[in-house]
C-alpha atoms as a PDB file:
ATOM      1  CA  MET A   1      85.491  99.628  87.749  1.00  0.00           C
ATOM      2  CA  LEU A   2      86.879  96.464  89.271  1.00  0.00           C
ATOM      3  CA  LEU A   3      86.034  95.214  92.767  1.00  0.00           C
ATOM      4  CA  TYR A   4      88.089  93.187  95.176  1.00  0.00           C
ATOM      5  CA  LYS A   5      88.210  92.397  98.859  1.00  0.00           C
ATOM      6  CA  GLU A   6      91.505  93.166 100.558  1.00  0.00           C
ATOM      7  CA  PHE A   7      92.419  90.892 103.454  1.00  0.00           C
ATOM      8  CA  ILE A   8      95.170  91.379 105.987  1.00  0.00           C
ATOM      9  CA  LEU A   9      96.009  87.805 106.959  1.00  0.00           C
ATOM     10  CA  ILE A  10      98.206  86.532 109.768  1.00  0.00           C
ATOM     11  CA  ALA A  11     100.616  83.684 108.993  1.00  0.00           C
ATOM     12  CA  ASP A  12     101.583  81.011 111.532  1.00  0.00           C
ATOM     13  CA  ASN A  13     104.713  82.989 112.423  1.00  0.00           C
ATOM     14  CA  GLY A  14     102.566  86.019 113.319  1.00  0.00           C
ATOM     15  CA  GLU A  15     103.577  88.015 110.235  1.00  0.00           C
ATOM     16  CA  ARG A  16     100.780  90.022 108.613  1.00  0.00           C
ATOM     17  CA  PHE A  17     100.414  90.169 104.860  1.00  0.00           C
ATOM     18  CA  THR A  18      97.990  91.383 102.191  1.00  0.00           C
ATOM     19  CA  LEU A  19      95.870  89.173  99.974  1.00  0.00           C
ATOM     20  CA  ARG A  20      93.433  90.687  97.493  1.00  0.00           C
ATOM     21  CA  ILE A  21      90.608  88.526  96.168  1.00  0.00           C
ATOM     22  CA  PRO A  22      88.863  89.745  93.005  1.00  0.00           C
ATOM     23  CA  TYR A  23      85.135  89.829  92.445  1.00  0.00           C
ATOM     24  CA  VAL A  24      84.482  89.181  88.760  1.00  0.00           C
ATOM     25  CA  CYS A  25      80.958  89.604  87.430  1.00  0.00           C
ATOM     26  CA  LYS A  26      79.943  86.626  85.282  1.00  0.00           C
ATOM     27  CA  GLN A  27      77.352  88.808  83.502  1.00  0.00           C
ATOM     28  CA  CYS A  28      74.631  86.192  84.006  1.00  0.00           C
ATOM     29  CA  GLY A  29      71.971  88.900  84.413  1.00  0.00           C
ATOM     30  CA  ASN A  30      70.287  87.348  87.440  1.00  0.00           C
ATOM     31  CA  CYS A  31      70.602  90.568  89.439  1.00  0.00           C
ATOM     32  CA  CYS A  32      69.229  92.537  86.463  1.00  0.00           C
ATOM     33  CA  THR A  33      66.031  90.525  86.429  1.00  0.00           C
ATOM     34  CA  GLU A  34      65.517  91.042  90.172  1.00  0.00           C
ATOM     35  CA  PHE A  35      66.398  94.678  90.904  1.00  0.00           C
ATOM     36  CA  PRO A  36      65.829  97.991  89.109  1.00  0.00           C
ATOM     37  CA  PRO A  37      68.950 100.110  88.633  1.00  0.00           C
ATOM     38  CA  SER A  38      69.440 103.283  90.628  1.00  0.00           C
ATOM     39  CA  ILE A  39      70.561 105.911  88.135  1.00  0.00           C
ATOM     40  CA  LEU A  40      71.954 109.244  89.267  1.00  0.00           C
ATOM     41  CA  ALA A  41      71.526 112.390  87.200  1.00  0.00           C
ATOM     42  CA  GLY A  42      75.224 112.515  86.225  1.00  0.00           C
ATOM     43  CA  THR A  43      75.107 108.943  84.997  1.00  0.00           C
ATOM     44  CA  LYS A  44      72.144 109.607  82.704  1.00  0.00           C
ATOM     45  CA  GLN A  45      74.224 111.701  80.317  1.00  0.00           C
ATOM     46  CA  GLU A  46      76.949 109.030  80.095  1.00  0.00           C
ATOM     47  CA  ILE A  47      74.382 106.316  79.391  1.00  0.00           C
ATOM     48  CA  ALA A  48      72.565 108.471  76.827  1.00  0.00           C
ATOM     49  CA  ASP A  49      75.851 109.241  75.061  1.00  0.00           C
ATOM     50  CA  TYR A  50      76.737 105.526  75.017  1.00  0.00           C
ATOM     51  CA  LEU A  51      73.344 104.693  73.454  1.00  0.00           C
ATOM     52  CA  PHE A  52      73.581 107.658  71.025  1.00  0.00           C
ATOM     53  CA  ILE A  53      70.325 109.193  72.287  1.00  0.00           C
ATOM     54  CA  SER A  54      69.383 112.312  74.233  1.00  0.00           C
ATOM     55  CA  VAL A  55      68.768 112.290  77.987  1.00  0.00           C
ATOM     56  CA  GLU A  56      65.092 112.979  77.242  1.00  0.00           C
ATOM     57  CA  GLN A  57      64.908 109.906  74.990  1.00  0.00           C
ATOM     58  CA  LEU A  58      66.678 107.861  77.664  1.00  0.00           C
ATOM     59  CA  GLU A  59      64.172 108.919  80.306  1.00  0.00           C
ATOM     60  CA  TYR A  60      61.195 108.179  78.049  1.00  0.00           C
ATOM     61  CA  LYS A  61      62.384 104.889  76.534  1.00  0.00           C
ATOM     62  CA  TYR A  62      64.191 103.352  79.516  1.00  0.00           C
ATOM     63  CA  LEU A  63      63.323 105.135  82.743  1.00  0.00           C
ATOM     64  CA  SER A  64      59.597 105.800  82.454  1.00  0.00           C
ATOM     65  CA  LYS A  65      57.087 103.870  84.570  1.00  0.00           C
ATOM     66  CA  LYS A  66      55.998 101.983  81.439  1.00  0.00           C
ATOM     67  CA  ALA A  67      59.549 100.803  80.677  1.00  0.00           C
ATOM     68  CA  ARG A  68      60.055  99.715  84.290  1.00  0.00           C
ATOM     69  CA  ARG A  69      56.831  97.662  84.304  1.00  0.00           C
ATOM     70  CA  GLU A  70      58.182  95.454  81.522  1.00  0.00           C
ATOM     71  CA  SER A  71      61.385  94.507  83.363  1.00  0.00           C
ATOM     72  CA  PRO A  72      63.105  95.511  86.615  1.00  0.00           C
ATOM     73  CA  CYS A  73      66.051  96.705  84.519  1.00  0.00           C
ATOM     74  CA  PRO A  74      65.154  98.204  81.148  1.00  0.00           C
ATOM     75  CA  PHE A  75      68.782  97.901  79.977  1.00  0.00           C
ATOM     76  CA  PHE A  76      68.866  94.113  80.325  1.00  0.00           C
ATOM     77  CA  VAL A  77      68.387  92.247  77.044  1.00  0.00           C
ATOM     78  CA  LYS A  78      67.531  88.560  77.388  1.00  0.00           C
ATOM     79  CA  HIS A  79      70.255  86.253  75.975  1.00  0.00           C
ATOM     80  CA  ARG A  80      72.550  89.275  75.451  1.00  0.00           C
ATOM     81  CA  GLY A  81      72.904  90.781  78.909  1.00  0.00           C
ATOM     82  CA  CYS A  82      73.400  94.378  79.922  1.00  0.00           C
ATOM     83  CA  SER A  83      73.148  96.745  76.972  1.00  0.00           C
ATOM     84  CA  ILE A  84      75.068  99.448  78.856  1.00  0.00           C
ATOM     85  CA  TYR A  85      77.602  97.274  80.716  1.00  0.00           C
ATOM     86  CA  PRO A  86      80.612  99.646  80.368  1.00  0.00           C
ATOM     87  CA  TYR A  87      78.458 102.528  81.692  1.00  0.00           C
ATOM     88  CA  ARG A  88      76.172 100.692  84.094  1.00  0.00           C
ATOM     89  CA  PRO A  89      75.171 102.599  87.254  1.00  0.00           C
ATOM     90  CA  GLU A  90      77.440 102.419  90.301  1.00  0.00           C
ATOM     91  CA  GLY A  91      74.867 100.374  92.236  1.00  0.00           C
ATOM     92  CA  CYS A  92      75.149  97.705  89.545  1.00  0.00           C
ATOM     93  CA  VAL A  93      78.947  97.876  89.608  1.00  0.00           C
ATOM     94  CA  LEU A  94      79.106  97.452  93.384  1.00  0.00           C
ATOM     95  CA  TYR A  95      76.618  94.560  93.535  1.00  0.00           C
ATOM     96  CA  PRO A  96      76.857  92.331  95.596  1.00  0.00           C
ATOM     97  CA  LEU A  97      79.901  93.461  97.605  1.00  0.00           C
ATOM     98  CA  GLU A  98      78.530  96.833  98.641  1.00  0.00           C
ATOM     99  CA  THR A  99      74.828  96.105  98.799  1.00  0.00           C
ATOM    100  CA  PHE A 100      72.865  95.722 101.988  1.00  0.00           C
ATOM    101  CA  GLY A 101      72.206  92.008 102.348  1.00  0.00           C
ATOM    102  CA  GLY A 102      74.766  90.784  99.798  1.00  0.00           C
ATOM    103  CA  THR A 103      73.053  89.033  96.910  1.00  0.00           C
ATOM    104  CA  CYS A 104      69.606  89.375  98.553  1.00  0.00           C
ATOM    105  CA  GLY A 105      68.805  85.775  97.641  1.00  0.00           C
ATOM    106  CA  THR A 106      69.693  86.192  93.964  1.00  0.00           C
ATOM    107  CA  ASP A 107      71.589  83.326  92.335  1.00  0.00           C
ATOM    108  CA  CYS A 108      74.828  85.198  91.595  1.00  0.00           C
ATOM    109  CA  ALA A 109      77.502  83.080  89.859  1.00  0.00           C
ATOM    110  CA  GLY A 110      80.163  85.750  90.428  1.00  0.00           C
ATOM    111  CA  ASP A 111      79.465  85.830  94.170  1.00  0.00           C
ATOM    112  CA  LYS A 112      79.554  82.027  94.378  1.00  0.00           C
ATOM    113  CA  ARG A 113      83.039  82.021  92.840  1.00  0.00           C
ATOM    114  CA  PHE A 114      84.096  84.943  95.047  1.00  0.00           C
ATOM    115  CA  GLN A 115      82.964  83.150  98.234  1.00  0.00           C
ATOM    116  CA  GLU A 116      84.678  79.959  97.015  1.00  0.00           C
ATOM    117  CA  LEU A 117      87.974  81.850  96.571  1.00  0.00           C
ATOM    118  CA  ILE A 118      87.689  83.435 100.013  1.00  0.00           C
ATOM    119  CA  GLY A 119      87.258  79.964 101.526  1.00  0.00           C
ATOM    120  CA  ILE A 120      90.148  78.458  99.547  1.00  0.00           C
ATOM    121  CA  LEU A 121      92.644  81.280  99.992  1.00  0.00           C
ATOM    122  CA  THR A 122      92.012  82.310 103.603  1.00  0.00           C
ATOM    123  CA  LYS A 123      91.781  78.751 104.984  1.00  0.00           C
ATOM    124  CA  GLY A 124      94.220  78.259 107.840  1.00  0.00           C
ATOM    125  CA  TYR A 125      94.963  81.960 108.293  1.00  0.00           C
ATOM    126  CA  LYS A 126      93.637  84.369 110.866  1.00  0.00           C
ATOM    127  CA  ILE A 127      91.879  87.290 109.216  1.00  0.00           C
ATOM    128  CA  PHE A 128      93.011  90.537 110.791  1.00  0.00           C
ATOM    129  CA  GLU A 129      91.039  92.856 108.542  1.00  0.00           C
ATOM    130  CA  ALA A 130      88.928  92.793 105.371  1.00  0.00           C
ATOM    131  CA  LYS A 131      87.841  95.768 103.250  1.00  0.00           C
ATOM    132  CA  THR A 132      86.044  96.084  99.939  1.00  0.00           C
ATOM    133  CA  ARG A 133      88.062  98.124  97.454  1.00  0.00           C
ATOM    134  CA  LYS A 134      87.387  99.578  94.012  1.00  0.00           C
ATOM    135  CA  LEU A 135      89.909  99.979  91.239  1.00  0.00           C
ATOM    136  CA  VAL A 136      89.045 102.288  88.380  1.00  0.00           C
ATOM    137  CA  ALA A 137      90.698 101.052  85.212  1.00  0.00           C
ATOM    138  CA  GLN A 138      90.381 103.210  82.127  1.00  0.00           C
ATOM    139  CA  GLY A 139      90.093 101.336  78.859  1.00  0.00           C
ATOM    140  CA  ASN A 140      91.266  97.740  78.944  1.00  0.00           C
ATOM    141  CA  PRO A 141      90.767  96.263  82.451  1.00  0.00           C
ATOM    142  CA  ASN A 142      93.828  94.076  81.866  1.00  0.00           C
ATOM    143  CA  TRP A 143      96.060  97.169  81.609  1.00  0.00           C
ATOM    144  CA  ALA A 144      98.526  96.137  84.309  1.00  0.00           C
ATOM    145  CA  CYS A 145      98.710  92.408  83.794  1.00  0.00           C
ATOM    146  CA  ASP A 146     101.991  92.327  81.938  1.00  0.00           C
ATOM    147  CA  ARG A 147     103.546  94.907  84.281  1.00  0.00           C
ATOM    148  CA  PRO A 148     102.074  94.346  87.755  1.00  0.00           C
ATOM    149  CA  THR A 149     102.057  97.448  89.880  1.00  0.00           C
ATOM    150  CA  ASN A 150     100.598  98.620  93.151  1.00  0.00           C
ATOM    151  CA  ARG A 151     100.228 102.184  91.917  1.00  0.00           C
ATOM    152  CA  GLY A 152      96.940 103.466  93.289  1.00  0.00           C
ATOM    153  CA  LEU A 153      96.137 100.296  95.225  1.00  0.00           C
ATOM    154  CA  GLY A 154      97.344 101.444  98.653  1.00  0.00           C
ATOM    155  CA  ASP A 155      99.599  99.633 101.103  1.00  0.00           C
ATOM    156  CA  TYR A 156     100.590  96.112 100.191  1.00  0.00           C
ATOM    157  CA  ARG A 157     102.478  93.784 102.496  1.00  0.00           C
ATOM    158  CA  ASP A 158     104.139  90.923 100.648  1.00  0.00           C
ATOM    159  CA  PRO A 159     103.326  87.469 101.960  1.00  0.00           C
ATOM    160  CA  PRO A 160     106.248  85.556 103.485  1.00  0.00           C
ATOM    161  CA  ASP A 161     108.118  83.586 100.801  1.00  0.00           C
ATOM    162  CA  ASP A 162     106.836  80.200 101.979  1.00  0.00           C
ATOM    163  CA  GLU A 163     103.237  81.489 101.885  1.00  0.00           C
ATOM    164  CA  ILE A 164     103.516  82.850  98.325  1.00  0.00           C
ATOM    165  CA  GLU A 165     104.008  79.418  96.787  1.00  0.00           C
ATOM    166  CA  ARG A 166     101.293  77.825  98.956  1.00  0.00           C
ATOM    167  CA  LEU A 167      98.752  80.518  98.017  1.00  0.00           C
ATOM    168  CA  ARG A 168      99.751  80.512  94.331  1.00  0.00           C
ATOM    169  CA  LYS A 169      99.197  76.712  94.204  1.00  0.00           C
ATOM    170  CA  ARG A 170      95.828  76.994  95.976  1.00  0.00           C
ATOM    171  CA  TYR A 171      94.724  79.689  93.558  1.00  0.00           C
ATOM    172  CA  LEU A 172      95.846  77.881  90.398  1.00  0.00           C
ATOM    173  CA  ASP A 173      94.299  74.606  91.651  1.00  0.00           C
ATOM    174  CA  SER A 174      90.953  76.450  91.900  1.00  0.00           C
ATOM    175  CA  LYS A 175      90.918  76.609  88.062  1.00  0.00           C
ATOM    176  CA  PRO A 176      90.584  80.363  87.515  1.00  0.00           C
ATOM    177  CA  PHE A 177      89.331  81.643  84.170  1.00  0.00           C
ATOM    178  CA  SER A 178      91.591  84.067  82.295  1.00  0.00           C
ATOM    179  CA  ARG A 179      89.855  87.373  83.135  1.00  0.00           C
ATOM    180  CA  GLU A 180      89.783  86.497  86.836  1.00  0.00           C
ATOM    181  CA  LYS A 181      93.416  85.346  86.767  1.00  0.00           C
ATOM    182  CA  ASN A 182      94.545  88.567  85.056  1.00  0.00           C
ATOM    183  CA  PHE A 183      92.731  90.646  87.679  1.00  0.00           C
ATOM    184  CA  PHE A 184      94.106  88.512  90.548  1.00  0.00           C
ATOM    185  CA  LEU A 185      97.687  88.982  89.309  1.00  0.00           C
ATOM    186  CA  MET A 186      97.138  92.693  88.710  1.00  0.00           C
ATOM    187  CA  ILE A 187      96.088  93.308  92.333  1.00  0.00           C
ATOM    188  CA  ASN A 188      98.530  90.763  93.838  1.00  0.00           C
ATOM    189  CA  PRO A 189     101.827  91.486  92.040  1.00  0.00           C
ATOM    190  CA  THR A 190     103.791  89.206  94.385  1.00  0.00           C
ATOM    191  CA  PHE A 191     102.159  86.167  92.765  1.00  0.00           C
ATOM    192  CA  VAL A 192     103.432  86.893  89.259  1.00  0.00           C
ATOM    193  CA  GLU A 193     106.115  84.330  88.398  1.00  0.00           C
END
């Protein structure tokens, strides 16, 4: 699952347009060492299957009180990160965009970059609306990068032509890393050259 914030911005000429800013987890693990995961019953089977163990073994080895005393998140492995990253619980996926209190004081590198992009890309525009959105991508999260599409992403209003180049330059000047850039172009097809 990929997260982004969708902004409806207002240009100087009064025209409204869509800009989607991706949140990309840097997998630093800081949130994992602060908060225990909230695992729903349906998720347990997926996690157990991923780890090649039974649900009973999962509950004993990872979800028991003993396992939780050792670390807030029993799936976090120091210097390696999340051992169940592709199947992590939804609360982990949505952190920090859909959590009460944002990062809750945790040093989140992904959120720092996300807030930096919001500042860079929305500067000088009036924000009409902002919503957090989720995009479920099966398999490779870069699935749409060579063929940008809005299929499943909802309404998209192209920025005015003069704004496209200004925003593209601002974004590229912010030195995006490849995974973030692929996601940005996937959710903002207008910016693909």
